[in-house]
């Protein structure tokens, strides 16, 4: 039977160097409290706008115009719900999702969950690392092989900033997220999209289910949006705030942390929507419906929009997106290892190991199969993420719906019902995506 931090005060938390390191002032001011709790949500939000999302958003906008905006909206609403459950778990129990799994399941199940999660984090890291390397190539002409190696240095940046305090890590990520937001605000202004078409795009429509090609990309957007490592990450970093362990203060922490993640994910919704909107306005209505690669979008943006800096701004946003995502994926890797295995490695060694697991397949693919293989590698990484997602979502909803673990903070009936409904949708759609991917690979094989 699982137990909370109150029942096991000797438990060492994940990320012990920053656990409860940010003081929460004993004041009544809403905005001062909100400022203290703001931060973790933005670290989580970068997983919802990482380079793995760009390919699906670009392809969706180029092929179907604004029609798939409703899928992006649905994905983000699911994400807001799931991340709020992560907040509940972390604040109410003092456990992150990996630690809760270790307490609940037997050794064999935990080992399988840990292996699946490590593979997913490596796949996520691979997509983000490739995204940064592609951005360096597009902006500065740096070969992909060297770009991959350069992006590995962000581990050193993370170690340096975390030594200064977790607020510095949050500040860097928020700056990078804001950079992406500003860049795509400019891109929307350049592309001059149809406002009425955008509003209609957010409306649910049966065409998505009736058109197999449209449905495939829609499920790809869903699979690329909800990232499994974010569920482990958020349930841990929400505990960087040093609230007093009383029922009232825990409810307050849940409220402010949920607001933080909801606002941050709303920004992610804007950025994901902006990528698709810019793609639709620039490519779909100009006869370039076959644009699906990030490199092609970069090359065509400036000529089609007639704005010389449009492609450069696009590349800068991609670089900021990739770098912010790699920082959070590396943190998630440390949380997962410590939570499942209770294995304490030096921070630099754990993060170096995570980075090497992603670098090796990237370098092998580029060296032996050429730079054109990066697109296929990005798609493959998203398939792996889809496969692992269910194994993180199901335990999360199960734990937060268990009164023995959560006590007074257990999900109310409506939230429990909504959580399981979202879980069934995610599991069903991702199984469908994997099946269709398998069939397409079979048909493409000689």
Protein backbone atom coordinates (compact mmCIF):
# COMPACT_ATOMS: atom_id res chain seq x y z
CA UNK A 1 0.00 0.00 0.00
CA UNK A 2 1.36 3.47 -0.92
CA UNK A 3 2.11 6.08 1.63
CA UNK A 4 2.49 9.83 1.71
CA UNK A 5 5.50 11.85 2.79
CA UNK A 6 3.94 12.31 6.23
CA UNK A 7 3.91 8.56 6.75
CA UNK A 8 7.47 8.15 5.55
CA UNK A 9 9.45 11.25 6.46
CA UNK A 10 12.74 9.45 5.81
CA UNK A 11 12.01 9.20 2.07
CA UNK A 12 14.45 11.21 0.04
CA UNK A 13 12.64 13.32 -2.58
CA UNK A 14 13.56 13.42 -6.25
CA UNK A 15 15.71 16.40 -7.26
CA UNK A 16 16.76 16.77 -3.58
CA UNK A 17 19.03 19.69 -4.40
CA UNK A 18 16.00 21.90 -5.20
CA UNK A 19 13.21 20.21 -3.20
CA UNK A 20 11.31 22.81 -1.09
CA UNK A 21 13.97 25.36 -2.01
CA UNK A 22 11.58 28.21 -2.87
CA UNK A 23 9.94 29.83 0.13
CA UNK A 24 6.21 30.61 0.04
CA UNK A 25 5.50 33.90 1.89
CA UNK A 26 2.81 33.90 4.55
CA UNK A 27 0.81 36.73 2.98
CA UNK A 28 -2.76 37.08 1.70
CA UNK A 29 -1.85 38.84 -1.55
CA UNK A 30 -3.08 36.71 -4.49
CA UNK A 31 -0.51 38.08 -6.93
CA UNK A 32 2.46 37.62 -4.61
CA UNK A 33 1.44 33.99 -4.07
CA UNK A 34 0.86 33.53 -7.78
CA UNK A 35 4.32 34.90 -8.56
CA UNK A 36 5.94 32.43 -6.15
CA UNK A 37 4.10 29.43 -7.61
CA UNK A 38 4.62 30.50 -11.25
CA UNK A 39 7.35 28.54 -13.02
CA UNK A 40 6.85 24.76 -13.05
CA UNK A 41 3.96 25.07 -15.50
CA UNK A 42 6.25 26.69 -18.07
CA UNK A 43 8.82 23.91 -17.74
CA UNK A 44 5.98 21.50 -18.47
CA UNK A 45 4.54 23.58 -21.33
CA UNK A 46 7.66 23.29 -23.48
CA UNK A 47 6.89 19.60 -24.00
CA UNK A 48 3.67 20.66 -25.72
CA UNK A 49 5.45 22.86 -28.27
CA UNK A 50 8.68 20.92 -28.86
CA UNK A 51 10.09 20.13 -32.36
CA UNK A 52 8.16 16.85 -32.37
CA UNK A 53 4.96 18.91 -32.61
CA UNK A 54 6.20 21.10 -35.42
CA UNK A 55 6.14 18.45 -38.15
CA UNK A 56 2.55 17.40 -37.42
CA UNK A 57 1.34 21.01 -37.14
CA UNK A 58 3.11 22.03 -40.36
CA UNK A 59 1.76 19.02 -42.27
CA UNK A 60 -1.74 19.52 -40.87
CA UNK A 61 -1.85 23.20 -41.82
CA UNK A 62 -0.38 22.67 -45.29
CA UNK A 63 -2.75 19.82 -46.19
CA UNK A 64 -6.01 20.82 -44.51
CA UNK A 65 -5.81 24.53 -43.81
CA UNK A 66 -7.26 25.55 -40.46
CA UNK A 67 -9.38 22.38 -40.13
CA UNK A 68 -7.25 20.67 -37.49
CA UNK A 69 -7.18 23.58 -35.04
CA UNK A 70 -9.99 21.83 -33.17
CA UNK A 71 -7.65 18.87 -32.56
CA UNK A 72 -4.97 21.16 -31.11
CA UNK A 73 -7.60 22.68 -28.81
CA UNK A 74 -8.82 19.25 -27.70
CA UNK A 75 -5.24 18.08 -27.08
CA UNK A 76 -4.49 21.09 -24.91
CA UNK A 77 -7.66 20.68 -22.85
CA UNK A 78 -6.60 17.07 -22.19
CA UNK A 79 -3.14 18.29 -21.23
CA UNK A 80 -4.52 20.87 -18.79
CA UNK A 81 -6.57 18.15 -17.08
CA UNK A 82 -3.69 15.66 -16.82
CA UNK A 83 -1.20 18.23 -15.54
CA UNK A 84 -3.67 19.35 -12.89
CA UNK A 85 -3.79 15.72 -11.71
CA UNK A 86 0.02 15.76 -11.50
CA UNK A 87 -0.21 18.81 -9.24
CA UNK A 88 -2.72 17.01 -7.00
CA UNK A 89 -0.52 13.94 -6.71
CA UNK A 90 2.68 15.83 -5.94
CA UNK A 91 1.19 18.28 -3.44
CA UNK A 92 -1.17 15.90 -1.64
CA UNK A 93 1.24 12.98 -1.18
CA UNK A 94 4.76 14.39 -1.51
CA UNK A 95 5.36 11.69 -4.13
CA UNK A 96 6.12 12.16 -7.79
CA UNK A 97 4.53 9.77 -10.28
CA UNK A 98 7.59 7.50 -10.45
CA UNK A 99 7.74 7.16 -6.65
CA UNK A 100 4.01 6.42 -6.48
CA UNK A 101 4.44 3.67 -9.08
CA UNK A 102 7.28 2.18 -7.05
CA UNK A 103 5.07 2.06 -3.96
CA UNK A 104 2.01 0.68 -5.71
CA UNK A 105 3.36 -1.94 -8.13
CA UNK A 106 5.59 -4.98 -7.74
CA UNK A 107 9.22 -5.09 -8.81
CA UNK A 108 8.57 -6.62 -12.24
CA UNK A 109 5.90 -4.08 -13.20
CA UNK A 110 8.04 -1.21 -11.97
CA UNK A 111 11.02 -2.40 -13.97
CA UNK A 112 8.89 -2.53 -17.14
CA UNK A 113 7.45 0.93 -16.47
CA UNK A 114 10.94 2.31 -15.86
CA UNK A 115 12.35 0.84 -19.09
CA UNK A 116 9.39 2.15 -21.12
CA UNK A 117 9.75 5.57 -19.55
CA UNK A 118 13.49 5.74 -20.20
CA UNK A 119 12.91 4.81 -23.85
CA UNK A 120 10.24 7.49 -24.14
CA UNK A 121 12.49 10.15 -22.58
CA UNK A 122 15.31 9.19 -24.94
CA UNK A 123 12.90 9.39 -27.89
CA UNK A 124 11.65 12.77 -26.74
CA UNK A 125 15.20 13.98 -26.20
CA UNK A 126 16.09 12.71 -29.67
CA UNK A 127 13.34 14.78 -31.31
CA UNK A 128 14.30 17.91 -29.40
CA UNK A 129 18.00 17.44 -30.03
CA UNK A 130 17.36 17.00 -33.77
CA UNK A 131 15.13 20.07 -33.77
CA UNK A 132 17.89 22.20 -32.28
CA UNK A 133 20.46 20.75 -34.68
CA UNK A 134 18.19 21.44 -37.67
CA UNK A 135 17.74 25.02 -36.45
CA UNK A 136 21.52 25.51 -36.19
CA UNK A 137 21.92 24.17 -39.71
CA UNK A 138 19.20 26.41 -41.13
CA UNK A 139 20.38 29.54 -39.32
CA UNK A 140 24.16 29.18 -39.44
CA UNK A 141 24.88 26.40 -41.96
CA UNK A 142 26.34 24.13 -39.27
CA UNK A 143 26.29 20.46 -40.41
CA UNK A 144 23.77 18.34 -38.54
CA UNK A 145 26.47 16.08 -37.08
CA UNK A 146 28.16 19.03 -35.38
CA UNK A 147 24.82 20.61 -34.48
CA UNK A 148 23.83 17.47 -32.59
CA UNK A 149 27.08 17.58 -30.62
CA UNK A 150 26.73 21.31 -29.86
CA UNK A 151 23.22 20.92 -28.50
CA UNK A 152 24.52 18.37 -26.00
CA UNK A 153 26.28 21.20 -24.16
CA UNK A 154 22.99 22.41 -22.71
CA UNK A 155 23.52 19.82 -19.97
CA UNK A 156 26.33 22.02 -18.65
CA UNK A 157 24.06 25.07 -18.73
CA UNK A 158 21.39 23.21 -16.74
CA UNK A 159 23.90 22.06 -14.13
CA UNK A 160 25.24 25.58 -13.74
CA UNK A 161 21.81 27.18 -13.39
CA UNK A 162 20.48 24.55 -10.99
CA UNK A 163 23.51 25.14 -8.79
CA UNK A 164 22.47 28.80 -8.62
CA UNK A 165 18.86 27.90 -7.74
CA UNK A 166 15.81 26.43 -9.46
CA UNK A 167 14.44 29.89 -10.16
CA UNK A 168 17.27 30.40 -12.66
CA UNK A 169 16.26 27.25 -14.55
CA UNK A 170 12.65 28.46 -14.64
CA UNK A 171 13.72 31.93 -15.80
CA UNK A 172 15.74 30.50 -18.68
CA UNK A 173 12.88 28.25 -19.84
CA UNK A 174 10.32 31.07 -19.56
CA UNK A 175 12.63 33.29 -21.63
CA UNK A 176 12.92 30.62 -24.33
CA UNK A 177 9.15 30.01 -24.35
CA UNK A 178 8.53 33.76 -24.61
CA UNK A 179 10.97 33.89 -27.53
CA UNK A 180 8.97 31.24 -29.38
CA UNK A 181 5.74 33.12 -28.64
CA UNK A 182 7.09 36.45 -29.91
CA UNK A 183 8.50 34.82 -33.05
CA UNK A 184 5.19 33.23 -33.99
CA UNK A 185 3.24 36.37 -33.21
CA UNK A 186 5.41 38.02 -35.85
CA UNK A 187 4.88 35.10 -38.26
CA UNK A 188 1.09 35.40 -37.89
CA UNK A 189 1.28 39.10 -38.66
CA UNK A 190 3.40 38.36 -41.73
CA UNK A 191 1.10 35.60 -43.03
CA UNK A 192 -2.16 37.59 -42.54
CA UNK A 193 -4.43 34.58 -41.95
CA UNK A 194 -8.20 34.61 -42.37
CA UNK A 195 -9.74 35.32 -38.94
CA UNK A 196 -13.08 33.74 -39.85
CA UNK A 197 -11.31 30.62 -41.12
CA UNK A 198 -9.38 30.34 -37.85
CA UNK A 199 -12.55 30.58 -35.75
CA UNK A 200 -14.22 27.93 -37.90
CA UNK A 201 -11.12 25.76 -37.57
CA UNK A 202 -11.64 25.53 -33.81
CA UNK A 203 -15.16 24.15 -34.32
CA UNK A 204 -15.55 20.33 -34.14
CA UNK A 205 -16.37 18.83 -37.51
CA UNK A 206 -17.25 15.27 -38.66
CA UNK A 207 -14.90 15.59 -41.63
CA UNK A 208 -11.94 14.77 -39.36
CA UNK A 209 -13.36 11.30 -38.64
CA UNK A 210 -14.54 10.71 -42.21
CA UNK A 211 -11.28 11.59 -43.99
CA UNK A 212 -8.61 8.90 -43.26
CA UNK A 213 -5.69 11.20 -44.14
CA UNK A 214 -7.04 13.97 -41.96
CA UNK A 215 -7.69 11.55 -39.09
CA UNK A 216 -4.14 10.19 -39.30
CA UNK A 217 -2.58 13.64 -38.90
CA UNK A 218 -5.12 14.51 -36.19
CA UNK A 219 -4.06 11.51 -34.14
CA UNK A 220 -0.43 12.39 -34.81
CA UNK A 221 -1.10 15.83 -33.28
CA UNK A 222 -2.70 14.20 -30.24
CA UNK A 223 0.18 11.73 -29.87
CA UNK A 224 2.81 14.44 -30.19
CA UNK A 225 1.12 16.87 -27.81
CA UNK A 226 0.61 14.97 -24.54
CA UNK A 227 4.14 13.99 -23.48
CA UNK A 228 4.53 11.15 -20.95
CA UNK A 229 7.68 12.55 -19.35
CA UNK A 230 5.81 15.73 -18.44
CA UNK A 231 3.59 13.77 -16.07
CA UNK A 232 6.63 12.56 -14.11
CA UNK A 233 8.31 15.96 -14.32
CA UNK A 234 5.40 18.07 -13.10
CA UNK A 235 4.54 15.89 -10.11
CA UNK A 236 8.13 16.40 -8.92
CA UNK A 237 8.97 20.04 -9.66
CA UNK A 238 5.71 21.26 -8.14
CA UNK A 239 7.37 20.25 -4.86
CA UNK A 240 10.12 22.86 -5.26
CA UNK A 241 7.78 25.24 -3.40
CA UNK A 242 8.10 25.18 0.39
CA UNK A 243 4.49 25.34 1.57
CA UNK A 244 3.57 24.39 5.13
CA UNK A 245 2.26 20.79 5.23
CA UNK A 246 -1.24 21.63 6.43
CA UNK A 247 -4.46 20.77 4.63
CA UNK A 248 -5.27 24.43 3.97
CA UNK A 249 -1.81 25.19 2.58
CA UNK A 250 -1.88 22.10 0.38
CA UNK A 251 -5.21 23.18 -1.14
CA UNK A 252 -3.68 26.61 -1.70
CA UNK A 253 -0.63 25.05 -3.38
CA UNK A 254 -2.89 22.94 -5.62
CA UNK A 255 -4.90 26.01 -6.60
CA UNK A 256 -1.96 28.24 -7.48
CA UNK A 257 0.06 25.48 -9.17
CA UNK A 258 -2.95 24.52 -11.30
CA UNK A 259 -3.40 28.15 -12.35
CA UNK A 260 0.31 28.26 -13.23
CA UNK A 261 0.13 25.18 -15.45
CA UNK A 262 -3.18 26.25 -17.04
CA UNK A 263 -1.79 29.67 -18.03
CA UNK A 264 1.43 28.11 -19.33
CA UNK A 265 -0.43 25.49 -21.36
CA UNK A 266 -2.68 28.21 -22.78
CA UNK A 267 0.49 29.80 -24.14
CA UNK A 268 1.45 26.40 -25.58
CA UNK A 269 -2.00 26.28 -27.21
CA UNK A 270 -1.31 29.65 -28.85
CA UNK A 271 2.09 28.55 -30.15
CA UNK A 272 0.87 25.19 -31.49
CA UNK A 273 -2.08 26.92 -33.12
CA UNK A 274 0.22 29.57 -34.55
CA UNK A 275 2.45 26.96 -36.21
CA UNK A 276 -0.57 25.39 -37.92
CA UNK A 277 -2.13 28.76 -38.78
CA UNK A 278 1.09 30.07 -40.37
CA UNK A 279 1.47 26.80 -42.30
CA UNK A 280 -2.13 26.97 -43.53
CA UNK A 281 -2.01 30.64 -44.49
CA UNK A 282 1.38 30.34 -46.20
CA UNK A 283 1.32 26.90 -47.84
CA UNK A 284 -2.23 25.51 -48.08
CA UNK A 285 -3.69 28.48 -49.92
CA UNK A 286 -0.61 28.90 -52.15
CA UNK A 287 -0.61 25.44 -53.73
CA UNK A 288 2.09 23.95 -51.46
CA UNK A 289 -0.08 21.39 -49.69
CA UNK A 290 2.68 18.77 -49.74
CA UNK A 291 4.97 20.71 -47.36
CA UNK A 292 5.61 18.51 -44.32
CA UNK A 293 9.31 18.90 -43.43
CA UNK A 294 10.63 21.63 -41.15
CA UNK A 295 13.46 22.37 -43.60
CA UNK A 296 11.02 22.87 -46.49
CA UNK A 297 8.86 25.21 -44.42
CA UNK A 298 11.93 27.26 -43.52
CA UNK A 299 13.04 27.62 -47.15
CA UNK A 300 9.60 28.59 -48.44
CA UNK A 301 8.40 31.01 -45.76
CA UNK A 302 10.32 34.11 -46.85
CA UNK A 303 9.69 33.72 -50.61
CA UNK A 304 5.97 33.04 -50.19
CA UNK A 305 5.35 35.74 -47.57
CA UNK A 306 7.61 38.30 -49.22
CA UNK A 307 9.26 39.04 -45.87
CA UNK A 308 13.02 38.43 -45.82
CA UNK A 309 13.26 37.79 -42.07
CA UNK A 310 10.32 35.35 -41.89
CA UNK A 311 12.49 32.24 -42.33
CA UNK A 312 15.10 33.50 -39.88
CA UNK A 313 12.45 34.14 -37.21
CA UNK A 314 11.06 30.64 -37.85
CA UNK A 315 14.53 29.12 -37.34
CA UNK A 316 15.12 31.13 -34.16
CA UNK A 317 11.80 29.90 -32.73
CA UNK A 318 12.77 26.31 -33.58
CA UNK A 319 16.11 26.70 -31.81
CA UNK A 320 14.48 28.17 -28.69
CA UNK A 321 11.86 25.40 -28.71
CA UNK A 322 14.44 22.62 -29.01
CA UNK A 323 16.73 23.99 -26.32
CA UNK A 324 13.99 24.58 -23.77
CA UNK A 325 12.61 21.07 -24.36
CA UNK A 326 15.96 19.34 -23.92
CA UNK A 327 16.44 21.02 -20.53
CA UNK A 328 13.14 19.68 -19.19
CA UNK A 329 13.58 16.20 -20.69
CA UNK A 330 16.92 15.89 -18.92
CA UNK A 331 15.33 16.83 -15.60
CA UNK A 332 12.59 14.27 -16.21
CA UNK A 333 15.22 11.59 -16.78
CA UNK A 334 16.73 12.25 -13.35
CA UNK A 335 13.30 12.16 -11.68
CA UNK A 336 12.37 8.85 -13.32
CA UNK A 337 15.60 7.09 -12.38
CA UNK A 338 15.51 8.30 -8.79
CA UNK A 339 11.81 7.53 -8.41
CA UNK A 340 11.70 4.03 -9.89
CA UNK A 341 15.13 2.75 -8.86
CA UNK A 342 16.02 4.97 -5.91
CA UNK A 343 19.37 5.14 -7.64
CA UNK A 344 21.26 8.32 -6.81
CA UNK A 345 23.77 9.25 -9.47
CA UNK A 346 25.56 12.58 -9.59
CA UNK A 347 23.43 15.06 -11.54
CA UNK A 348 26.05 15.56 -14.23
CA UNK A 349 26.38 11.79 -14.80
CA UNK A 350 22.63 11.18 -15.02
CA UNK A 351 22.12 14.00 -17.46
CA UNK A 352 25.11 13.03 -19.54
CA UNK A 353 23.72 9.48 -19.78
CA UNK A 354 20.33 10.80 -20.93
CA UNK A 355 21.97 12.97 -23.54
CA UNK A 356 24.21 10.17 -24.87
CA UNK A 357 21.21 7.85 -25.29
CA UNK A 358 19.69 10.45 -27.62
CA UNK A 359 22.91 11.50 -29.38
CA UNK A 360 24.01 8.02 -30.44
CA UNK A 361 20.96 7.13 -32.62
CA UNK A 362 20.90 10.66 -34.04
CA UNK A 363 24.55 10.51 -35.10
CA UNK A 364 24.17 6.98 -36.49
CA UNK A 365 21.17 7.99 -38.59
CA UNK A 366 22.86 11.14 -39.93
CA UNK A 367 26.24 9.51 -40.65
CA UNK A 368 25.00 6.28 -42.23
CA UNK A 369 21.64 7.30 -43.75
CA UNK A 370 22.22 10.95 -44.55
CA UNK A 371 20.67 14.17 -43.33
CA UNK A 372 17.35 13.39 -45.03
CA UNK A 373 16.81 10.63 -42.47
CA UNK A 374 16.10 13.21 -39.73
CA UNK A 375 12.47 13.55 -40.80
CA UNK A 376 11.86 9.82 -40.47
CA UNK A 377 13.70 9.80 -37.15
CA UNK A 378 11.45 12.56 -35.82
CA UNK A 379 8.33 10.62 -36.81
CA UNK A 380 9.74 7.43 -35.26
CA UNK A 381 10.40 9.23 -31.98
CA UNK A 382 6.76 10.36 -31.84
CA UNK A 383 5.54 6.79 -32.37
CA UNK A 384 7.63 5.64 -29.40
CA UNK A 385 6.18 8.44 -27.27
CA UNK A 386 2.67 7.41 -28.24
CA UNK A 387 3.41 3.83 -27.22
CA UNK A 388 4.55 4.86 -23.73
CA UNK A 389 1.93 7.50 -23.03
CA UNK A 390 -0.76 5.10 -21.81
CA UNK A 391 1.62 3.60 -19.24
CA UNK A 392 1.96 7.02 -17.59
CA UNK A 393 -1.62 8.28 -17.89
CA UNK A 394 -3.32 5.18 -16.44
CA UNK A 395 -1.30 5.14 -13.17
CA UNK A 396 -1.75 8.91 -12.78
CA UNK A 397 -5.56 8.74 -12.97
CA UNK A 398 -5.59 5.58 -10.84
CA UNK A 399 -3.47 7.10 -8.05
CA UNK A 400 -5.31 10.42 -7.87
CA UNK A 401 -8.64 8.54 -7.71
CA UNK A 402 -7.50 6.37 -4.76
CA UNK A 403 -8.73 7.71 -1.41
CA UNK A 404 -6.23 5.58 0.53
CA UNK A 405 -3.38 7.49 -1.10
CA UNK A 406 -4.92 10.93 -1.62
CA UNK A 407 -7.15 11.26 1.47
CA UNK A 408 -9.17 14.50 1.32
CA UNK A 409 -7.45 15.43 -1.97
CA UNK A 410 -8.86 12.47 -3.92
CA UNK A 411 -10.46 13.26 -7.27
CA UNK A 412 -14.17 14.06 -6.91
CA UNK A 413 -16.52 11.88 -8.97
CA UNK A 414 -16.76 14.30 -11.90
CA UNK A 415 -12.98 14.67 -12.13
CA UNK A 416 -12.45 10.93 -11.82
CA UNK A 417 -14.98 10.30 -14.63
CA UNK A 418 -13.38 12.94 -16.85
CA UNK A 419 -9.91 11.58 -16.14
CA UNK A 420 -10.83 8.04 -17.17
CA UNK A 421 -12.67 9.33 -20.24
CA UNK A 422 -9.58 11.25 -21.37
CA UNK A 423 -7.47 8.17 -20.65
CA UNK A 424 -9.67 5.98 -22.86
CA UNK A 425 -9.55 8.53 -25.67
CA UNK A 426 -5.75 8.80 -25.50
CA UNK A 427 -5.23 5.04 -25.30
CA UNK A 428 -7.66 4.32 -28.13
CA UNK A 429 -6.30 6.97 -30.48
CA UNK A 430 -2.69 6.09 -29.84
CA UNK A 431 -3.35 2.41 -30.40
CA UNK A 432 -4.97 3.36 -33.70
CA UNK A 433 -1.98 5.52 -34.63
CA UNK A 434 0.46 2.72 -33.88
CA UNK A 435 -1.61 0.24 -35.88
CA UNK A 436 -1.80 2.55 -38.89
CA UNK A 437 1.94 3.24 -38.65
CA UNK A 438 2.63 -0.49 -38.59
CA UNK A 439 0.44 -1.05 -41.64
CA UNK A 440 2.13 1.79 -43.53
CA UNK A 441 5.57 0.31 -42.75
CA UNK A 442 4.39 -3.08 -44.01
CA UNK A 443 3.07 -1.62 -47.24
CA UNK A 444 6.29 0.35 -47.78
CA UNK A 445 8.51 -2.72 -47.25
CA UNK A 446 9.81 -4.39 -50.45
